[in-house]
Amino acid sequence: MSVVRRATPEDAEELLRLRQVMIDSMFANGSAATVESDTSWHAESLAVVRTKLAEPDGNFAAFVIDRPGQPERQEQPNQPRKLAALVVGTLDYRIGRAGNPRGVVGQVFSVATDPDQRRRGYARACMEVLLDWFRERGAGSVDLNASAEAEPLYASLGFVRKPDPSMRLSL
């Protein structure tokens, strides 16, 4: 099994690439596919992602697995690594409630594996490390949106469907 590691600012472009893989796969059959596969946002997002990745004690974390077959990092220390998989999450505070009195909530919002690297346990390995990161920081619960294809993975990690009255306003 490949080693899961915390993403660094040097991984920012690959994080955006794999996030786009996730977005494209989620909207591949819907009418939003044309809008969602637009990558023009990457340039503006890149600096923000690099900044977030440089904050090791912040509320944003990405865990990745390097694509197999690359030279060791010490052989090419300044070369960006190609990634096979990633998970990204944030911590948020909400007023406490029963079951989470401290109000710390984890949010998983990007889980992606390159199509040719799937079915190797990469997403599971990355998710397990992210869930440990949430636990270490006191999260009382973790939320995510699951595609039908990924739901069995999340269920095996203990996630359950909830009746969700979520709504969204795009600003």
N, C-alpha and C. Protein backbone atom coordinates (compact mmCIF):
# COMPACT_ATOMS: atom_id res chain seq x y z
N MET A 1 0.85 -1.18 0.00
CA MET A 1 0.00 0.00 0.00
C MET A 1 0.89 1.23 0.00
N SER A 2 0.50 2.21 -0.74
CA SER A 2 1.23 3.47 -0.79
C SER A 2 1.01 4.25 0.50
N VAL A 3 1.94 5.13 0.76
CA VAL A 3 1.91 5.92 1.99
C VAL A 3 1.03 7.16 1.81
N VAL A 4 0.16 7.38 2.77
CA VAL A 4 -0.65 8.59 2.80
C VAL A 4 0.21 9.67 3.46
N ARG A 5 0.20 10.85 2.87
CA ARG A 5 0.96 11.96 3.45
C ARG A 5 0.11 13.22 3.42
N ARG A 6 0.47 14.16 4.26
CA ARG A 6 -0.20 15.46 4.27
C ARG A 6 0.26 16.23 3.04
N ALA A 7 -0.65 16.82 2.32
CA ALA A 7 -0.32 17.60 1.13
C ALA A 7 0.43 18.87 1.54
N THR A 8 1.29 19.33 0.66
CA THR A 8 2.09 20.53 0.87
C THR A 8 1.71 21.57 -0.19
N PRO A 9 2.17 22.81 -0.03
CA PRO A 9 1.86 23.82 -1.05
C PRO A 9 2.30 23.41 -2.47
N GLU A 10 3.34 22.60 -2.56
CA GLU A 10 3.80 22.14 -3.88
C GLU A 10 2.79 21.22 -4.56
N ASP A 11 1.85 20.69 -3.81
CA ASP A 11 0.83 19.79 -4.36
C ASP A 11 -0.42 20.52 -4.84
N ALA A 12 -0.46 21.84 -4.71
CA ALA A 12 -1.68 22.60 -4.97
C ALA A 12 -2.24 22.37 -6.37
N GLU A 13 -1.40 22.40 -7.39
CA GLU A 13 -1.92 22.20 -8.76
C GLU A 13 -2.53 20.82 -8.92
N GLU A 14 -1.89 19.81 -8.34
CA GLU A 14 -2.44 18.46 -8.44
C GLU A 14 -3.73 18.32 -7.64
N LEU A 15 -3.84 19.02 -6.51
CA LEU A 15 -5.10 19.01 -5.76
C LEU A 15 -6.23 19.55 -6.61
N LEU A 16 -5.96 20.66 -7.29
CA LEU A 16 -6.99 21.24 -8.16
C LEU A 16 -7.32 20.29 -9.32
N ARG A 17 -6.31 19.64 -9.87
CA ARG A 17 -6.56 18.70 -10.97
C ARG A 17 -7.46 17.55 -10.50
N LEU A 18 -7.13 16.97 -9.34
CA LEU A 18 -7.94 15.86 -8.85
C LEU A 18 -9.32 16.32 -8.37
N ARG A 19 -9.41 17.52 -7.84
CA ARG A 19 -10.75 18.04 -7.50
C ARG A 19 -11.60 18.14 -8.76
N GLN A 20 -10.97 18.56 -9.87
CA GLN A 20 -11.71 18.63 -11.13
C GLN A 20 -12.13 17.25 -11.60
N VAL A 21 -11.29 16.24 -11.38
CA VAL A 21 -11.67 14.86 -11.71
C VAL A 21 -12.93 14.49 -10.94
N MET A 22 -12.97 14.84 -9.64
CA MET A 22 -14.14 14.55 -8.82
C MET A 22 -15.37 15.29 -9.35
N ILE A 23 -15.22 16.60 -9.58
CA ILE A 23 -16.34 17.40 -10.06
C ILE A 23 -16.87 16.86 -11.39
N ASP A 24 -15.97 16.57 -12.31
CA ASP A 24 -16.38 16.06 -13.62
C ASP A 24 -17.09 14.72 -13.50
N SER A 25 -16.63 13.85 -12.61
CA SER A 25 -17.28 12.54 -12.48
C SER A 25 -18.65 12.66 -11.83
N MET A 26 -18.82 13.61 -10.94
CA MET A 26 -20.11 13.78 -10.28
C MET A 26 -21.17 14.34 -11.22
N PHE A 27 -20.74 15.16 -12.17
CA PHE A 27 -21.70 15.82 -13.05
C PHE A 27 -21.63 15.30 -14.49
N ALA A 28 -21.01 14.16 -14.69
CA ALA A 28 -20.78 13.64 -16.04
C ALA A 28 -22.07 13.42 -16.82
N ASN A 29 -23.14 13.04 -16.16
CA ASN A 29 -24.38 12.73 -16.88
C ASN A 29 -25.44 13.80 -16.77
N GLY A 30 -25.16 14.86 -16.04
CA GLY A 30 -26.19 15.87 -15.82
C GLY A 30 -26.04 17.07 -16.74
N SER A 31 -27.02 17.94 -16.70
CA SER A 31 -27.00 19.13 -17.54
C SER A 31 -25.95 20.13 -17.09
N ALA A 32 -25.47 20.00 -15.84
CA ALA A 32 -24.46 20.92 -15.32
C ALA A 32 -23.06 20.56 -15.79
N ALA A 33 -22.91 19.47 -16.53
CA ALA A 33 -21.58 18.99 -16.92
C ALA A 33 -20.76 20.04 -17.64
N THR A 34 -21.36 20.78 -18.53
CA THR A 34 -20.61 21.79 -19.28
C THR A 34 -20.08 22.87 -18.37
N VAL A 35 -20.89 23.34 -17.44
CA VAL A 35 -20.45 24.38 -16.51
C VAL A 35 -19.41 23.83 -15.55
N GLU A 36 -19.66 22.65 -15.00
CA GLU A 36 -18.77 22.09 -14.00
C GLU A 36 -17.40 21.72 -14.55
N SER A 37 -17.27 21.34 -15.81
CA SER A 37 -15.97 20.96 -16.34
C SER A 37 -15.12 22.16 -16.74
N ASP A 38 -15.63 23.36 -16.54
CA ASP A 38 -14.88 24.58 -16.77
C ASP A 38 -13.75 24.66 -15.74
N THR A 39 -12.52 24.80 -16.19
CA THR A 39 -11.37 24.85 -15.29
C THR A 39 -10.80 26.25 -15.14
N SER A 40 -11.50 27.26 -15.63
CA SER A 40 -10.97 28.62 -15.55
C SER A 40 -10.79 29.08 -14.10
N TRP A 41 -11.49 28.50 -13.17
CA TRP A 41 -11.37 28.86 -11.76
C TRP A 41 -10.06 28.43 -11.13
N HIS A 42 -9.36 27.47 -11.73
CA HIS A 42 -8.13 26.93 -11.15
C HIS A 42 -7.10 28.03 -10.90
N ALA A 43 -6.90 28.92 -11.85
CA ALA A 43 -5.87 29.96 -11.72
C ALA A 43 -6.12 30.83 -10.50
N GLU A 44 -7.37 31.23 -10.30
CA GLU A 44 -7.69 32.08 -9.15
C GLU A 44 -7.62 31.31 -7.84
N SER A 45 -7.93 30.06 -7.86
CA SER A 45 -7.96 29.23 -6.65
C SER A 45 -6.56 28.80 -6.19
N LEU A 46 -5.63 28.72 -7.11
CA LEU A 46 -4.31 28.15 -6.82
C LEU A 46 -3.61 28.83 -5.64
N ALA A 47 -3.56 30.14 -5.62
CA ALA A 47 -2.86 30.85 -4.54
C ALA A 47 -3.52 30.59 -3.19
N VAL A 48 -4.85 30.54 -3.17
CA VAL A 48 -5.57 30.29 -1.92
C VAL A 48 -5.25 28.88 -1.41
N VAL A 49 -5.28 27.90 -2.31
CA VAL A 49 -5.00 26.51 -1.91
C VAL A 49 -3.57 26.41 -1.38
N ARG A 50 -2.62 27.03 -2.05
CA ARG A 50 -1.23 27.00 -1.56
C ARG A 50 -1.13 27.59 -0.15
N THR A 51 -1.81 28.70 0.08
CA THR A 51 -1.79 29.34 1.40
C THR A 51 -2.39 28.41 2.45
N LYS A 52 -3.52 27.81 2.14
CA LYS A 52 -4.16 26.89 3.09
C LYS A 52 -3.28 25.68 3.40
N LEU A 53 -2.61 25.15 2.37
CA LEU A 53 -1.74 23.99 2.58
C LEU A 53 -0.51 24.34 3.41
N ALA A 54 -0.13 25.60 3.43
CA ALA A 54 1.05 26.04 4.19
C ALA A 54 0.74 26.27 5.67
N GLU A 55 -0.52 26.12 6.08
CA GLU A 55 -0.93 26.34 7.46
C GLU A 55 -1.14 24.99 8.15
N PRO A 56 -0.08 24.38 8.68
CA PRO A 56 -0.22 23.03 9.25
C PRO A 56 -1.13 22.95 10.47
N ASP A 57 -1.34 24.07 11.17
CA ASP A 57 -2.21 24.06 12.34
C ASP A 57 -3.58 24.67 12.06
N GLY A 58 -3.86 24.93 10.78
CA GLY A 58 -5.14 25.53 10.41
C GLY A 58 -6.27 24.51 10.41
N ASN A 59 -7.43 24.94 9.97
CA ASN A 59 -8.62 24.10 9.93
C ASN A 59 -8.87 23.45 8.58
N PHE A 60 -7.84 23.40 7.74
CA PHE A 60 -7.92 22.83 6.39
C PHE A 60 -6.83 21.77 6.28
N ALA A 61 -7.18 20.61 5.78
CA ALA A 61 -6.17 19.57 5.59
C ALA A 61 -6.47 18.76 4.35
N ALA A 62 -5.41 18.39 3.66
CA ALA A 62 -5.52 17.49 2.50
C ALA A 62 -4.51 16.37 2.70
N PHE A 63 -4.96 15.16 2.46
CA PHE A 63 -4.09 13.99 2.55
C PHE A 63 -4.10 13.31 1.19
N VAL A 64 -2.93 12.88 0.75
CA VAL A 64 -2.75 12.41 -0.61
C VAL A 64 -1.92 11.14 -0.66
N ILE A 65 -2.01 10.47 -1.80
CA ILE A 65 -1.13 9.36 -2.14
C ILE A 65 -0.49 9.70 -3.47
N ASP A 66 0.85 9.61 -3.49
CA ASP A 66 1.57 9.88 -4.73
C ASP A 66 1.31 8.78 -5.75
N ARG A 67 1.29 9.18 -7.01
CA ARG A 67 1.13 8.22 -8.10
C ARG A 67 2.32 7.27 -8.07
N PRO A 68 2.07 5.96 -8.12
CA PRO A 68 3.17 4.99 -8.10
C PRO A 68 4.08 5.15 -9.32
N GLY A 69 5.33 4.75 -9.16
CA GLY A 69 6.28 4.72 -10.28
C GLY A 69 7.06 6.00 -10.49
N GLN A 70 6.91 6.97 -9.60
CA GLN A 70 7.67 8.21 -9.73
C GLN A 70 9.01 8.06 -9.01
N PRO A 71 10.01 8.83 -9.43
CA PRO A 71 11.27 8.81 -8.68
C PRO A 71 11.04 9.26 -7.25
N GLU A 72 11.88 8.79 -6.34
CA GLU A 72 11.77 9.21 -4.95
C GLU A 72 11.92 10.71 -4.84
N ARG A 73 11.27 11.29 -3.84
CA ARG A 73 11.30 12.75 -3.66
C ARG A 73 12.72 13.27 -3.49
N GLN A 74 13.57 12.54 -2.78
CA GLN A 74 14.94 13.02 -2.58
C GLN A 74 15.75 13.03 -3.88
N GLU A 75 15.33 12.25 -4.87
CA GLU A 75 16.01 12.26 -6.16
C GLU A 75 15.64 13.49 -6.99
N GLN A 76 14.41 14.00 -6.82
CA GLN A 76 13.93 15.18 -7.53
C GLN A 76 13.15 16.06 -6.54
N PRO A 77 13.87 16.70 -5.59
CA PRO A 77 13.18 17.41 -4.51
C PRO A 77 12.33 18.60 -4.96
N ASN A 78 12.65 19.25 -6.06
CA ASN A 78 11.91 20.43 -6.50
C ASN A 78 10.86 20.13 -7.56
N GLN A 79 10.72 18.89 -7.94
CA GLN A 79 9.75 18.52 -8.97
C GLN A 79 8.39 18.25 -8.31
N PRO A 80 7.32 18.82 -8.86
CA PRO A 80 5.99 18.52 -8.32
C PRO A 80 5.69 17.03 -8.48
N ARG A 81 5.02 16.49 -7.48
CA ARG A 81 4.64 15.07 -7.51
C ARG A 81 3.29 14.93 -8.19
N LYS A 82 3.12 13.90 -8.97
CA LYS A 82 1.81 13.55 -9.51
C LYS A 82 1.10 12.74 -8.44
N LEU A 83 -0.18 13.03 -8.25
CA LEU A 83 -0.95 12.36 -7.22
C LEU A 83 -1.88 11.32 -7.81
N ALA A 84 -2.11 10.26 -7.04
CA ALA A 84 -3.07 9.23 -7.43
C ALA A 84 -4.41 9.47 -6.77
N ALA A 85 -4.40 9.99 -5.54
CA ALA A 85 -5.64 10.17 -4.78
C ALA A 85 -5.50 11.27 -3.76
N LEU A 86 -6.65 11.81 -3.36
CA LEU A 86 -6.65 12.83 -2.31
C LEU A 86 -7.97 12.83 -1.56
N VAL A 87 -7.91 13.32 -0.33
CA VAL A 87 -9.11 13.70 0.43
C VAL A 87 -8.81 15.07 1.03
N VAL A 88 -9.84 15.88 1.12
CA VAL A 88 -9.69 17.22 1.67
C VAL A 88 -10.83 17.46 2.65
N GLY A 89 -10.49 18.10 3.77
CA GLY A 89 -11.52 18.40 4.75
C GLY A 89 -11.21 19.66 5.52
N THR A 90 -12.23 20.18 6.17
CA THR A 90 -12.09 21.36 7.01
C THR A 90 -12.78 21.11 8.34
N LEU A 91 -12.37 21.87 9.34
CA LEU A 91 -13.05 21.89 10.62
C LEU A 91 -13.83 23.18 10.74
N ASP A 92 -15.00 23.09 11.35
CA ASP A 92 -15.85 24.26 11.51
C ASP A 92 -16.43 24.21 12.92
N TYR A 93 -16.80 25.37 13.42
CA TYR A 93 -17.47 25.44 14.71
C TYR A 93 -18.93 25.80 14.50
N ARG A 94 -19.78 25.05 15.16
CA ARG A 94 -21.21 25.35 15.22
C ARG A 94 -21.59 25.25 16.68
N ILE A 95 -22.56 25.99 17.13
CA ILE A 95 -22.97 25.90 18.53
C ILE A 95 -23.26 24.44 18.84
N GLY A 96 -22.77 23.97 19.99
CA GLY A 96 -22.92 22.57 20.35
C GLY A 96 -24.36 22.10 20.41
N ARG A 97 -24.48 20.79 20.49
CA ARG A 97 -25.78 20.12 20.57
C ARG A 97 -25.55 18.76 21.20
N ALA A 98 -26.62 18.04 21.47
CA ALA A 98 -26.49 16.68 22.00
C ALA A 98 -25.67 15.86 21.00
N GLY A 99 -24.71 15.12 21.51
CA GLY A 99 -23.85 14.32 20.64
C GLY A 99 -22.60 15.05 20.17
N ASN A 100 -22.61 16.37 20.25
CA ASN A 100 -21.43 17.17 19.87
C ASN A 100 -21.47 18.48 20.67
N PRO A 101 -21.31 18.39 22.00
CA PRO A 101 -21.46 19.58 22.83
C PRO A 101 -20.44 20.67 22.57
N ARG A 102 -19.26 20.32 22.06
CA ARG A 102 -18.24 21.34 21.76
C ARG A 102 -18.48 22.01 20.42
N GLY A 103 -19.31 21.41 19.58
CA GLY A 103 -19.68 22.04 18.31
C GLY A 103 -18.64 21.96 17.21
N VAL A 104 -17.61 21.15 17.37
CA VAL A 104 -16.59 21.04 16.32
C VAL A 104 -17.07 19.99 15.31
N VAL A 105 -17.14 20.40 14.03
CA VAL A 105 -17.66 19.54 12.97
C VAL A 105 -16.63 19.46 11.84
N GLY A 106 -16.36 18.25 11.40
CA GLY A 106 -15.52 18.05 10.22
C GLY A 106 -16.38 18.03 8.98
N GLN A 107 -15.83 18.53 7.89
CA GLN A 107 -16.52 18.49 6.60
C GLN A 107 -15.55 17.93 5.56
N VAL A 108 -15.90 16.81 4.97
CA VAL A 108 -15.13 16.24 3.87
C VAL A 108 -15.76 16.79 2.60
N PHE A 109 -14.95 17.42 1.74
CA PHE A 109 -15.55 18.00 0.55
C PHE A 109 -14.85 17.64 -0.74
N SER A 110 -13.78 16.91 -0.68
CA SER A 110 -13.16 16.44 -1.91
C SER A 110 -12.52 15.08 -1.64
N VAL A 111 -12.98 14.09 -2.35
CA VAL A 111 -12.37 12.77 -2.34
C VAL A 111 -12.26 12.39 -3.80
N ALA A 112 -11.04 12.16 -4.26
CA ALA A 112 -10.86 11.85 -5.68
C ALA A 112 -9.69 10.91 -5.88
N THR A 113 -9.87 10.00 -6.81
CA THR A 113 -8.81 9.10 -7.25
C THR A 113 -8.80 9.13 -8.77
N ASP A 114 -7.61 9.24 -9.33
CA ASP A 114 -7.52 9.19 -10.79
C ASP A 114 -8.18 7.91 -11.28
N PRO A 115 -8.95 7.97 -12.37
CA PRO A 115 -9.66 6.78 -12.84
C PRO A 115 -8.78 5.55 -13.02
N ASP A 116 -7.56 5.72 -13.50
CA ASP A 116 -6.70 4.55 -13.72
C ASP A 116 -6.02 4.05 -12.44
N GLN A 117 -6.29 4.70 -11.30
CA GLN A 117 -5.70 4.30 -10.02
C GLN A 117 -6.75 3.80 -9.03
N ARG A 118 -7.99 3.67 -9.48
CA ARG A 118 -9.08 3.27 -8.59
C ARG A 118 -9.03 1.79 -8.24
N ARG A 119 -9.76 1.45 -7.19
CA ARG A 119 -9.89 0.06 -6.70
C ARG A 119 -8.58 -0.48 -6.13
N ARG A 120 -7.78 0.41 -5.53
CA ARG A 120 -6.52 0.01 -4.89
C ARG A 120 -6.51 0.36 -3.41
N GLY A 121 -7.62 0.88 -2.90
CA GLY A 121 -7.72 1.24 -1.49
C GLY A 121 -7.19 2.62 -1.15
N TYR A 122 -6.88 3.42 -2.16
CA TYR A 122 -6.29 4.74 -1.91
C TYR A 122 -7.27 5.69 -1.20
N ALA A 123 -8.50 5.77 -1.67
CA ALA A 123 -9.47 6.67 -1.05
C ALA A 123 -9.71 6.27 0.40
N ARG A 124 -9.84 4.98 0.65
CA ARG A 124 -10.04 4.50 2.02
C ARG A 124 -8.86 4.88 2.91
N ALA A 125 -7.66 4.65 2.44
CA ALA A 125 -6.47 4.97 3.24
C ALA A 125 -6.41 6.46 3.56
N CYS A 126 -6.68 7.29 2.57
CA CYS A 126 -6.67 8.74 2.79
C CYS A 126 -7.79 9.16 3.74
N MET A 127 -8.98 8.58 3.58
CA MET A 127 -10.10 8.91 4.46
C MET A 127 -9.80 8.53 5.91
N GLU A 128 -9.18 7.39 6.13
CA GLU A 128 -8.86 6.97 7.49
C GLU A 128 -7.92 7.96 8.16
N VAL A 129 -6.94 8.49 7.41
CA VAL A 129 -6.02 9.48 7.97
C VAL A 129 -6.75 10.79 8.24
N LEU A 130 -7.62 11.21 7.33
CA LEU A 130 -8.39 12.44 7.55
C LEU A 130 -9.30 12.29 8.76
N LEU A 131 -9.95 11.14 8.92
CA LEU A 131 -10.82 10.94 10.09
C LEU A 131 -10.02 10.99 11.38
N ASP A 132 -8.80 10.45 11.38
CA ASP A 132 -7.93 10.56 12.56
C ASP A 132 -7.60 12.03 12.83
N TRP A 133 -7.33 12.80 11.77
CA TRP A 133 -7.03 14.23 11.92
C TRP A 133 -8.22 14.94 12.57
N PHE A 134 -9.44 14.62 12.13
CA PHE A 134 -10.64 15.22 12.73
C PHE A 134 -10.73 14.84 14.21
N ARG A 135 -10.52 13.56 14.53
CA ARG A 135 -10.60 13.11 15.93
C ARG A 135 -9.59 13.85 16.80
N GLU A 136 -8.35 13.95 16.31
CA GLU A 136 -7.29 14.62 17.08
C GLU A 136 -7.63 16.08 17.37
N ARG A 137 -8.45 16.69 16.55
CA ARG A 137 -8.82 18.10 16.72
C ARG A 137 -10.18 18.28 17.38
N GLY A 138 -10.73 17.19 17.90
CA GLY A 138 -11.93 17.28 18.70
C GLY A 138 -13.25 17.31 17.97
N ALA A 139 -13.27 16.94 16.71
CA ALA A 139 -14.55 16.93 15.97
C ALA A 139 -15.50 15.91 16.60
N GLY A 140 -16.73 16.34 16.79
CA GLY A 140 -17.75 15.45 17.32
C GLY A 140 -18.55 14.74 16.24
N SER A 141 -18.45 15.24 15.02
CA SER A 141 -19.12 14.62 13.88
C SER A 141 -18.42 15.05 12.60
N VAL A 142 -18.67 14.31 11.54
CA VAL A 142 -18.10 14.60 10.23
C VAL A 142 -19.20 14.47 9.20
N ASP A 143 -19.31 15.48 8.35
CA ASP A 143 -20.31 15.48 7.29
C ASP A 143 -19.63 15.34 5.93
N LEU A 144 -20.36 14.77 4.99
CA LEU A 144 -19.91 14.72 3.60
C LEU A 144 -21.10 14.48 2.70
N ASN A 145 -20.93 14.77 1.44
CA ASN A 145 -21.92 14.44 0.42
C ASN A 145 -21.35 13.28 -0.37
N ALA A 146 -22.12 12.22 -0.50
CA ALA A 146 -21.63 11.00 -1.14
C ALA A 146 -22.30 10.76 -2.48
N SER A 147 -21.49 10.43 -3.47
CA SER A 147 -22.05 9.94 -4.72
C SER A 147 -22.53 8.51 -4.49
N ALA A 148 -23.40 8.03 -5.34
CA ALA A 148 -23.89 6.65 -5.21
C ALA A 148 -22.74 5.66 -5.30
N GLU A 149 -21.76 5.95 -6.16
CA GLU A 149 -20.62 5.06 -6.34
C GLU A 149 -19.76 4.97 -5.08
N ALA A 150 -19.63 6.08 -4.36
CA ALA A 150 -18.74 6.12 -3.18
C ALA A 150 -19.46 5.77 -1.88
N GLU A 151 -20.78 5.73 -1.88
CA GLU A 151 -21.51 5.50 -0.65
C GLU A 151 -21.10 4.22 0.08
N PRO A 152 -20.84 3.09 -0.59
CA PRO A 152 -20.42 1.89 0.15
C PRO A 152 -19.11 2.10 0.93
N LEU A 153 -18.18 2.85 0.37
CA LEU A 153 -16.94 3.15 1.09
C LEU A 153 -17.25 3.90 2.38
N TYR A 154 -18.04 4.97 2.27
CA TYR A 154 -18.34 5.78 3.44
C TYR A 154 -19.14 5.00 4.47
N ALA A 155 -20.08 4.18 4.03
CA ALA A 155 -20.86 3.36 4.95
C ALA A 155 -19.94 2.40 5.71
N SER A 156 -18.95 1.84 5.03
CA SER A 156 -18.03 0.92 5.70
C SER A 156 -17.15 1.63 6.73
N LEU A 157 -17.03 2.96 6.60
CA LEU A 157 -16.27 3.76 7.57
C LEU A 157 -17.16 4.27 8.71
N GLY A 158 -18.48 3.97 8.64
CA GLY A 158 -19.40 4.34 9.70
C GLY A 158 -20.33 5.49 9.39
N PHE A 159 -20.24 6.08 8.21
CA PHE A 159 -21.15 7.16 7.84
C PHE A 159 -22.54 6.59 7.58
N VAL A 160 -23.56 7.37 7.92
CA VAL A 160 -24.95 6.99 7.67
C VAL A 160 -25.66 8.14 6.98
N ARG A 161 -26.64 7.80 6.17
CA ARG A 161 -27.48 8.82 5.52
C ARG A 161 -28.28 9.53 6.60
N LYS A 162 -28.50 10.80 6.40
CA LYS A 162 -29.32 11.56 7.34
C LYS A 162 -30.38 12.31 6.54
N PRO A 163 -31.51 12.55 7.17
CA PRO A 163 -32.51 13.38 6.49
C PRO A 163 -31.96 14.80 6.47
N ASP A 164 -31.71 15.31 5.31
CA ASP A 164 -30.99 16.58 5.20
C ASP A 164 -31.84 17.64 4.50
N PRO A 165 -32.21 18.64 5.25
CA PRO A 165 -32.98 19.73 4.64
C PRO A 165 -32.09 20.82 4.07
N SER A 166 -30.87 20.49 3.68
CA SER A 166 -29.92 21.50 3.22
C SER A 166 -30.45 22.27 2.01
N MET A 167 -30.10 23.53 2.02
CA MET A 167 -30.38 24.41 0.89
C MET A 167 -29.12 25.20 0.63
N ARG A 168 -28.99 25.80 -0.54
CA ARG A 168 -27.80 26.56 -0.86
C ARG A 168 -28.17 27.82 -1.62
N LEU A 169 -27.45 28.89 -1.31
CA LEU A 169 -27.53 30.15 -2.04
C LEU A 169 -26.13 30.43 -2.56
N SER A 170 -25.95 30.55 -3.85
CA SER A 170 -24.66 30.90 -4.44
C SER A 170 -24.56 32.41 -4.47
N LEU A 171 -23.47 32.92 -3.90
CA LEU A 171 -23.25 34.38 -3.86
C LEU A 171 -22.24 34.81 -4.90
